[in-house]
C-alpha atoms as a PDB file:
ATOM      1  CA  MET A   1      -0.198   0.256   0.045  1.00  0.00           C
ATOM      2  CA  THR A   2       3.089   2.369   0.610  1.00  0.00           C
ATOM      3  CA  GLU A   3       4.093   1.784  -2.947  1.00  0.00           C
ATOM      4  CA  LEU A   4       0.725   2.864  -4.216  1.00  0.00           C
ATOM      5  CA  ARG A   5       0.325   6.023  -2.107  1.00  0.00           C
ATOM      6  CA  ARG A   6       4.211   7.151  -3.211  1.00  0.00           C
ATOM      7  CA  ALA A   7       3.455   6.229  -6.927  1.00  0.00           C
ATOM      8  CA  LEU A   8      -0.044   8.399  -6.382  1.00  0.00           C
ATOM      9  CA  ALA A   9       1.957  11.569  -5.332  1.00  0.00           C
ATOM     10  CA  GLU A  10       4.542  11.067  -8.026  1.00  0.00           C
ATOM     11  CA  ILE A  11       2.060  11.163 -10.679  1.00  0.00           C
ATOM     12  CA  ASN A  12       0.585  14.231  -8.983  1.00  0.00           C
ATOM     13  CA  ALA A  13       3.795  16.061  -8.794  1.00  0.00           C
ATOM     14  CA  ILE A  14       4.441  15.482 -12.513  1.00  0.00           C
ATOM     15  CA  ARG A  15       0.874  16.251 -13.183  1.00  0.00           C
ATOM     16  CA  THR A  16       1.186  19.830 -11.176  1.00  0.00           C
ATOM     17  CA  GLN A  17       4.550  20.753 -12.711  1.00  0.00           C
ATOM     18  CA  VAL A  18       2.975  19.999 -16.524  1.00  0.00           C
ATOM     19  CA  ALA A  19      -0.094  22.356 -15.733  1.00  0.00           C
ATOM     20  CA  ARG A  20       2.382  24.687 -14.221  1.00  0.00           C
ATOM     21  CA  GLY A  21       4.059  24.605 -17.187  1.00  0.00           C
ATOM     22  CA  THR A  22       1.370  25.003 -19.469  1.00  0.00           C
ATOM     23  CA  GLN A  23      -1.003  27.389 -18.024  1.00  0.00           C
ATOM     24  CA  PHE A  24      -1.616  31.024 -19.600  1.00  0.00           C
ATOM     25  CA  ARG A  25      -0.440  33.300 -16.516  1.00  0.00           C
ATOM     26  CA  GLY A  26      -2.063  36.222 -18.720  1.00  0.00           C
ATOM     27  CA  TYR A  27      -1.040  39.841 -19.488  1.00  0.00           C
ATOM     28  CA  GLY A  28       0.677  41.971 -17.542  1.00  0.00           C
ATOM     29  CA  PRO A  29       0.211  45.687 -17.138  1.00  0.00           C
ATOM     30  CA  ARG A  30       3.602  46.505 -18.917  1.00  0.00           C
ATOM     31  CA  SER A  31       2.841  44.561 -21.845  1.00  0.00           C
ATOM     32  CA  VAL A  32      -1.269  45.874 -21.925  1.00  0.00           C
ATOM     33  CA  ALA A  33       0.377  49.605 -21.483  1.00  0.00           C
ATOM     34  CA  ALA A  34       3.044  48.941 -23.968  1.00  0.00           C
ATOM     35  CA  SER A  35       0.274  47.532 -27.348  1.00  0.00           C
ATOM     36  CA  GLY A  36      -2.019  50.166 -25.803  1.00  0.00           C
ATOM     37  CA  VAL A  37       0.414  53.034 -26.787  1.00  0.00           C
ATOM     38  CA  LEU A  38       1.291  51.673 -29.792  1.00  0.00           C
ATOM     39  CA  ALA A  39      -2.448  51.344 -30.716  1.00  0.00           C
ATOM     40  CA  LEU A  40      -3.074  55.069 -29.530  1.00  0.00           C
ATOM     41  CA  ILE A  41      -0.018  56.415 -31.534  1.00  0.00           C
ATOM     42  CA  VAL A  42      -1.093  54.472 -34.662  1.00  0.00           C
ATOM     43  CA  ALA A  43      -4.479  55.432 -34.432  1.00  0.00           C
ATOM     44  CA  ALA A  44      -3.103  58.906 -34.265  1.00  0.00           C
ATOM     45  CA  MET A  45      -1.281  58.581 -37.178  1.00  0.00           C
ATOM     46  CA  GLN A  46      -3.782  56.962 -38.944  1.00  0.00           C
ATOM     47  CA  ALA A  47      -6.411  59.731 -38.345  1.00  0.00           C
ATOM     48  CA  ARG A  48      -4.046  62.333 -39.592  1.00  0.00           C
ATOM     49  CA  TRP A  49      -2.682  60.091 -42.494  1.00  0.00           C
ATOM     50  CA  SER A  50      -6.087  59.016 -43.705  1.00  0.00           C
ATOM     51  CA  SER A  51      -8.262  62.102 -43.036  1.00  0.00           C
ATOM     52  CA  GLY A  52      -8.241  63.994 -46.730  1.00  0.00           C
ATOM     53  CA  SER A  53      -8.365  60.261 -48.543  1.00  0.00           C
ATOM     54  CA  ALA A  54     -11.093  57.989 -49.117  1.00  0.00           C
ATOM     55  CA  HIS A  55     -10.694  55.054 -46.809  1.00  0.00           C
ATOM     56  CA  ASP A  56      -8.997  52.096 -48.300  1.00  0.00           C
ATOM     57  CA  ALA A  57      -9.676  48.823 -46.470  1.00  0.00           C
ATOM     58  CA  THR A  58      -6.442  47.026 -47.557  1.00  0.00           C
ATOM     59  CA  SER A  59      -4.340  49.727 -46.194  1.00  0.00           C
ATOM     60  CA  PHE A  60      -6.700  50.016 -42.899  1.00  0.00           C
ATOM     61  CA  VAL A  61      -6.561  46.275 -42.416  1.00  0.00           C
ATOM     62  CA  GLY A  62      -2.735  46.329 -43.152  1.00  0.00           C
ATOM     63  CA  VAL A  63      -1.796  48.669 -40.491  1.00  0.00           C
ATOM     64  CA  TRP A  64      -3.771  47.121 -37.793  1.00  0.00           C
ATOM     65  CA  ALA A  65      -2.436  43.751 -38.809  1.00  0.00           C
ATOM     66  CA  THR A  66       1.119  45.033 -38.730  1.00  0.00           C
ATOM     67  CA  VAL A  67       0.001  46.478 -35.035  1.00  0.00           C
ATOM     68  CA  ALA A  68      -0.945  43.214 -33.847  1.00  0.00           C
ATOM     69  CA  ALA A  69       2.372  41.690 -35.293  1.00  0.00           C
ATOM     70  CA  VAL A  70       4.418  44.168 -33.193  1.00  0.00           C
ATOM     71  CA  SER A  71       1.993  43.709 -30.057  1.00  0.00           C
ATOM     72  CA  ALA A  72       1.975  39.981 -30.075  1.00  0.00           C
ATOM     73  CA  PRO A  73       5.678  39.167 -29.027  1.00  0.00           C
ATOM     74  CA  PHE A  74       5.260  41.416 -25.831  1.00  0.00           C
ATOM     75  CA  PRO A  75       6.106  39.402 -22.584  1.00  0.00           C
ATOM     76  CA  PRO A  76       3.086  38.018 -21.052  1.00  0.00           C
ATOM     77  CA  GLY A  77       2.930  39.044 -16.905  1.00  0.00           C
ATOM     78  CA  ARG A  78       4.176  36.824 -14.212  1.00  0.00           C
ATOM     79  CA  PRO A  79       1.355  35.907 -11.411  1.00  0.00           C
ATOM     80  CA  SER A  80       1.428  37.496  -8.143  1.00  0.00           C
ATOM     81  CA  PRO A  81       2.365  35.339  -5.266  1.00  0.00           C
ATOM     82  CA  ALA A  82      -0.693  35.098  -3.829  1.00  0.00           C
ATOM     83  CA  ARG A  83      -2.372  33.958  -7.322  1.00  0.00           C
ATOM     84  CA  ALA A  84       1.341  31.403  -7.745  1.00  0.00           C
ATOM     85  CA  ALA A  85       0.557  29.791  -4.385  1.00  0.00           C
ATOM     86  CA  SER A  86      -3.266  29.340  -5.024  1.00  0.00           C
ATOM     87  CA  MET A  87      -2.491  28.179  -8.552  1.00  0.00           C
ATOM     88  CA  LEU A  88      -0.212  25.228  -7.151  1.00  0.00           C
ATOM     89  CA  ASP A  89      -2.592  24.695  -4.295  1.00  0.00           C
ATOM     90  CA  SER A  90      -5.427  23.786  -6.522  1.00  0.00           C
ATOM     91  CA  PRO A  91      -5.905  20.116  -7.763  1.00  0.00           C
ATOM     92  CA  ALA A  92      -4.625  19.839 -11.555  1.00  0.00           C
ATOM     93  CA  ARG A  93      -7.653  18.594 -14.158  1.00  0.00           C
END
């Protein structure tokens, strides 16, 4: 019976480690602020640039697709110590 409990404890530890490595940790305040500032700058530039010309859907989508591509690699945030502890305490699904 002791071997069974030890094996179950090892399985639980492995599941916890795998869950910790694959869990989405959310976006941190710096990455959200950076992408927001970038979007505001591009929106202001686009308002000035396209104010006199006809609206071109291709350039509009191209500009915002570029903004999304530039914003994509912004680093994710780290959970707070309390959130990290609660993630470790919760059972793996």
